[in-house]
């Protein structure tokens, strides 16, 4: 009887540990796409993931890097040197229903799979990845 209880206790402990491991497993997409970054929401250096200003938010979907005011961005690599990309990126305005695209030339330097630097018209900003659990509720859906 004592052995049976010990086995059940060991089994219960094993299941609890397995449950914790599964709960903490990262189920978000792996790094990839044009820049080999983890898809999701990034915020400018100095901004908190929990309350970023719209201007500090970038969303990487594997095809391009959009802002809070753009959508469906597509980066076309013009030149690549190591981890630095010179691109022409076209995006649609998120605030309108028009399908016209605006193109912007920029440089993106991928620091690692969770951070990058973006230079537009000579202005460089560093961005870091935000885990979904750290984002405000309004951004969590956009991060998926």
C-alpha atoms as a PDB file:
ATOM      1  CA  UNK A   1       0.000   0.000   0.000  1.00  0.00           C
ATOM      2  CA  UNK A   2       2.852   2.391   0.879  1.00  0.00           C
ATOM      3  CA  UNK A   3       4.599   1.650  -2.456  1.00  0.00           C
ATOM      4  CA  UNK A   4       1.390   2.388  -4.361  1.00  0.00           C
ATOM      5  CA  UNK A   5       1.038   5.801  -2.686  1.00  0.00           C
ATOM      6  CA  UNK A   6       4.685   6.579  -3.374  1.00  0.00           C
ATOM      7  CA  UNK A   7       4.252   5.643  -7.033  1.00  0.00           C
ATOM      8  CA  UNK A   8       1.150   7.828  -7.333  1.00  0.00           C
ATOM      9  CA  UNK A   9       2.940  10.722  -5.622  1.00  0.00           C
ATOM     10  CA  UNK A  10       5.899  10.351  -7.988  1.00  0.00           C
ATOM     11  CA  UNK A  11       3.548  10.149 -10.972  1.00  0.00           C
ATOM     12  CA  UNK A  12       1.669  13.282  -9.830  1.00  0.00           C
ATOM     13  CA  UNK A  13       4.940  15.176  -9.393  1.00  0.00           C
ATOM     14  CA  UNK A  14       6.142  14.096 -12.841  1.00  0.00           C
ATOM     15  CA  UNK A  15       2.879  15.258 -14.431  1.00  0.00           C
ATOM     16  CA  UNK A  16       3.102  18.617 -12.626  1.00  0.00           C
ATOM     17  CA  UNK A  17       6.644  19.173 -13.914  1.00  0.00           C
ATOM     18  CA  UNK A  18       5.617  18.151 -17.438  1.00  0.00           C
ATOM     19  CA  UNK A  19       2.659  20.526 -17.253  1.00  0.00           C
ATOM     20  CA  UNK A  20       4.901  23.415 -16.218  1.00  0.00           C
ATOM     21  CA  UNK A  21       7.306  22.670 -19.063  1.00  0.00           C
ATOM     22  CA  UNK A  22       4.467  22.617 -21.588  1.00  0.00           C
ATOM     23  CA  UNK A  23       2.965  25.832 -20.206  1.00  0.00           C
ATOM     24  CA  UNK A  24       6.281  27.648 -20.581  1.00  0.00           C
ATOM     25  CA  UNK A  25       7.063  26.267 -24.054  1.00  0.00           C
ATOM     26  CA  UNK A  26       7.277  28.921 -26.747  1.00  0.00           C
ATOM     27  CA  UNK A  27       4.518  28.209 -29.265  1.00  0.00           C
ATOM     28  CA  UNK A  28       5.094  31.339 -31.362  1.00  0.00           C
ATOM     29  CA  UNK A  29       6.623  31.159 -34.866  1.00  0.00           C
ATOM     30  CA  UNK A  30      10.350  30.581 -35.162  1.00  0.00           C
ATOM     31  CA  UNK A  31      12.688  33.193 -36.696  1.00  0.00           C
ATOM     32  CA  UNK A  32      12.526  33.338 -40.469  1.00  0.00           C
ATOM     33  CA  UNK A  33      11.409  35.300 -43.469  1.00  0.00           C
ATOM     34  CA  UNK A  34      13.275  38.021 -45.261  1.00  0.00           C
ATOM     35  CA  UNK A  35      15.255  39.155 -42.187  1.00  0.00           C
ATOM     36  CA  UNK A  36      15.459  35.890 -40.174  1.00  0.00           C
ATOM     37  CA  UNK A  37      13.762  37.619 -37.233  1.00  0.00           C
ATOM     38  CA  UNK A  38      11.155  36.120 -34.924  1.00  0.00           C
ATOM     39  CA  UNK A  39       7.734  37.236 -36.212  1.00  0.00           C
ATOM     40  CA  UNK A  40       5.846  39.452 -33.799  1.00  0.00           C
ATOM     41  CA  UNK A  41       5.852  42.859 -32.156  1.00  0.00           C
ATOM     42  CA  UNK A  42       9.037  44.842 -31.592  1.00  0.00           C
ATOM     43  CA  UNK A  43       9.382  48.131 -29.724  1.00  0.00           C
ATOM     44  CA  UNK A  44      11.977  50.877 -29.896  1.00  0.00           C
ATOM     45  CA  UNK A  45      14.851  50.787 -27.444  1.00  0.00           C
ATOM     46  CA  UNK A  46      13.821  52.538 -24.254  1.00  0.00           C
ATOM     47  CA  UNK A  47      10.142  51.609 -24.676  1.00  0.00           C
ATOM     48  CA  UNK A  48       8.432  49.085 -22.436  1.00  0.00           C
ATOM     49  CA  UNK A  49       6.627  46.186 -24.095  1.00  0.00           C
ATOM     50  CA  UNK A  50       3.709  46.737 -21.705  1.00  0.00           C
ATOM     51  CA  UNK A  51       2.966  50.319 -22.829  1.00  0.00           C
ATOM     52  CA  UNK A  52       4.695  51.355 -26.058  1.00  0.00           C
ATOM     53  CA  UNK A  53       3.774  54.528 -27.912  1.00  0.00           C
ATOM     54  CA  UNK A  54       2.374  53.921 -31.413  1.00  0.00           C
ATOM     55  CA  UNK A  55       5.505  55.468 -32.954  1.00  0.00           C
ATOM     56  CA  UNK A  56       7.687  52.922 -31.112  1.00  0.00           C
ATOM     57  CA  UNK A  57       5.857  49.823 -32.425  1.00  0.00           C
ATOM     58  CA  UNK A  58       7.012  47.651 -35.313  1.00  0.00           C
ATOM     59  CA  UNK A  59       5.451  44.361 -36.460  1.00  0.00           C
ATOM     60  CA  UNK A  60       7.511  41.805 -38.345  1.00  0.00           C
ATOM     61  CA  UNK A  61       5.532  39.164 -40.252  1.00  0.00           C
ATOM     62  CA  UNK A  62       8.314  37.556 -42.267  1.00  0.00           C
ATOM     63  CA  UNK A  63       7.634  39.721 -45.330  1.00  0.00           C
ATOM     64  CA  UNK A  64       8.320  43.198 -43.986  1.00  0.00           C
ATOM     65  CA  UNK A  65       8.288  45.501 -40.994  1.00  0.00           C
ATOM     66  CA  UNK A  66       5.086  47.486 -40.538  1.00  0.00           C
ATOM     67  CA  UNK A  67       4.312  50.354 -38.189  1.00  0.00           C
ATOM     68  CA  UNK A  68       1.160  51.198 -36.262  1.00  0.00           C
ATOM     69  CA  UNK A  69       0.052  53.134 -39.370  1.00  0.00           C
ATOM     70  CA  UNK A  70       0.996  50.687 -42.133  1.00  0.00           C
ATOM     71  CA  UNK A  71       0.027  47.154 -43.133  1.00  0.00           C
ATOM     72  CA  UNK A  72       0.907  44.427 -45.647  1.00  0.00           C
ATOM     73  CA  UNK A  73       4.518  45.585 -45.922  1.00  0.00           C
ATOM     74  CA  UNK A  74       6.787  43.783 -48.375  1.00  0.00           C
ATOM     75  CA  UNK A  75      10.539  44.265 -48.268  1.00  0.00           C
ATOM     76  CA  UNK A  76      12.507  43.723 -51.471  1.00  0.00           C
ATOM     77  CA  UNK A  77      16.200  43.251 -50.737  1.00  0.00           C
ATOM     78  CA  UNK A  78      18.326  45.407 -53.041  1.00  0.00           C
ATOM     79  CA  UNK A  79      21.637  44.593 -51.402  1.00  0.00           C
ATOM     80  CA  UNK A  80      22.785  42.413 -48.542  1.00  0.00           C
ATOM     81  CA  UNK A  81      26.118  42.541 -46.783  1.00  0.00           C
ATOM     82  CA  UNK A  82      26.273  40.072 -43.891  1.00  0.00           C
ATOM     83  CA  UNK A  83      23.460  40.999 -41.505  1.00  0.00           C
ATOM     84  CA  UNK A  84      22.802  44.395 -43.127  1.00  0.00           C
ATOM     85  CA  UNK A  85      20.018  44.709 -45.685  1.00  0.00           C
ATOM     86  CA  UNK A  86      19.322  47.608 -48.030  1.00  0.00           C
ATOM     87  CA  UNK A  87      15.683  47.296 -49.020  1.00  0.00           C
ATOM     88  CA  UNK A  88      12.818  48.958 -50.815  1.00  0.00           C
ATOM     89  CA  UNK A  89       9.769  48.309 -48.676  1.00  0.00           C
ATOM     90  CA  UNK A  90       6.254  48.931 -49.926  1.00  0.00           C
ATOM     91  CA  UNK A  91       3.342  49.229 -47.501  1.00  0.00           C
ATOM     92  CA  UNK A  92      -0.318  50.131 -47.522  1.00  0.00           C
ATOM     93  CA  UNK A  93      -1.745  52.808 -45.251  1.00  0.00           C
ATOM     94  CA  UNK A  94      -3.559  51.076 -42.380  1.00  0.00           C
ATOM     95  CA  UNK A  95      -5.974  53.968 -41.939  1.00  0.00           C
ATOM     96  CA  UNK A  96      -7.497  53.825 -45.423  1.00  0.00           C
ATOM     97  CA  UNK A  97      -9.183  51.246 -47.588  1.00  0.00           C
ATOM     98  CA  UNK A  98      -7.082  52.076 -50.608  1.00  0.00           C
ATOM     99  CA  UNK A  99      -4.867  49.387 -52.081  1.00  0.00           C
ATOM    100  CA  UNK A 100      -2.170  51.773 -53.271  1.00  0.00           C
ATOM    101  CA  UNK A 101       1.282  51.121 -51.877  1.00  0.00           C
ATOM    102  CA  UNK A 102       3.954  53.567 -50.793  1.00  0.00           C
ATOM    103  CA  UNK A 103       7.615  52.571 -51.143  1.00  0.00           C
ATOM    104  CA  UNK A 104      10.310  53.575 -48.711  1.00  0.00           C
ATOM    105  CA  UNK A 105      14.052  52.866 -48.909  1.00  0.00           C
ATOM    106  CA  UNK A 106      15.688  51.737 -45.687  1.00  0.00           C
ATOM    107  CA  UNK A 107      18.503  49.784 -44.128  1.00  0.00           C
ATOM    108  CA  UNK A 108      17.864  47.025 -41.633  1.00  0.00           C
ATOM    109  CA  UNK A 109      20.645  45.495 -39.568  1.00  0.00           C
ATOM    110  CA  UNK A 110      19.704  42.259 -37.830  1.00  0.00           C
ATOM    111  CA  UNK A 111      21.515  42.093 -34.496  1.00  0.00           C
ATOM    112  CA  UNK A 112      20.084  38.642 -33.676  1.00  0.00           C
ATOM    113  CA  UNK A 113      16.725  36.876 -34.046  1.00  0.00           C
ATOM    114  CA  UNK A 114      15.158  39.199 -31.438  1.00  0.00           C
ATOM    115  CA  UNK A 115      16.539  42.652 -32.263  1.00  0.00           C
ATOM    116  CA  UNK A 116      17.280  44.845 -35.247  1.00  0.00           C
ATOM    117  CA  UNK A 117      18.240  48.378 -36.208  1.00  0.00           C
ATOM    118  CA  UNK A 118      16.206  50.232 -38.803  1.00  0.00           C
ATOM    119  CA  UNK A 119      17.564  53.281 -40.603  1.00  0.00           C
ATOM    120  CA  UNK A 120      15.144  55.436 -42.605  1.00  0.00           C
ATOM    121  CA  UNK A 121      16.382  58.695 -44.152  1.00  0.00           C
ATOM    122  CA  UNK A 122      19.452  58.547 -41.887  1.00  0.00           C
ATOM    123  CA  UNK A 123      17.483  58.104 -38.652  1.00  0.00           C
ATOM    124  CA  UNK A 124      18.475  54.850 -36.939  1.00  0.00           C
ATOM    125  CA  UNK A 125      16.414  53.179 -34.222  1.00  0.00           C
ATOM    126  CA  UNK A 126      17.019  49.887 -32.429  1.00  0.00           C
ATOM    127  CA  UNK A 127      14.043  47.585 -31.803  1.00  0.00           C
ATOM    128  CA  UNK A 128      13.686  44.545 -29.559  1.00  0.00           C
ATOM    129  CA  UNK A 129      11.164  41.695 -29.604  1.00  0.00           C
ATOM    130  CA  UNK A 130       8.303  41.657 -27.088  1.00  0.00           C
ATOM    131  CA  UNK A 131       6.884  38.326 -25.892  1.00  0.00           C
ATOM    132  CA  UNK A 132       3.092  38.207 -26.260  1.00  0.00           C
ATOM    133  CA  UNK A 133       2.551  37.901 -22.493  1.00  0.00           C
ATOM    134  CA  UNK A 134       4.279  41.292 -21.976  1.00  0.00           C
ATOM    135  CA  UNK A 135       2.170  43.199 -24.520  1.00  0.00           C
ATOM    136  CA  UNK A 136      -0.952  45.214 -23.685  1.00  0.00           C
ATOM    137  CA  UNK A 137      -4.179  43.375 -24.638  1.00  0.00           C
ATOM    138  CA  UNK A 138      -4.703  45.488 -27.778  1.00  0.00           C
ATOM    139  CA  UNK A 139      -1.380  44.364 -29.266  1.00  0.00           C
ATOM    140  CA  UNK A 140      -1.577  40.678 -28.345  1.00  0.00           C
ATOM    141  CA  UNK A 141      -3.844  39.830 -31.290  1.00  0.00           C
ATOM    142  CA  UNK A 142      -1.559  41.648 -33.735  1.00  0.00           C
ATOM    143  CA  UNK A 143       1.403  39.668 -32.411  1.00  0.00           C
ATOM    144  CA  UNK A 144      -0.058  36.283 -33.355  1.00  0.00           C
END
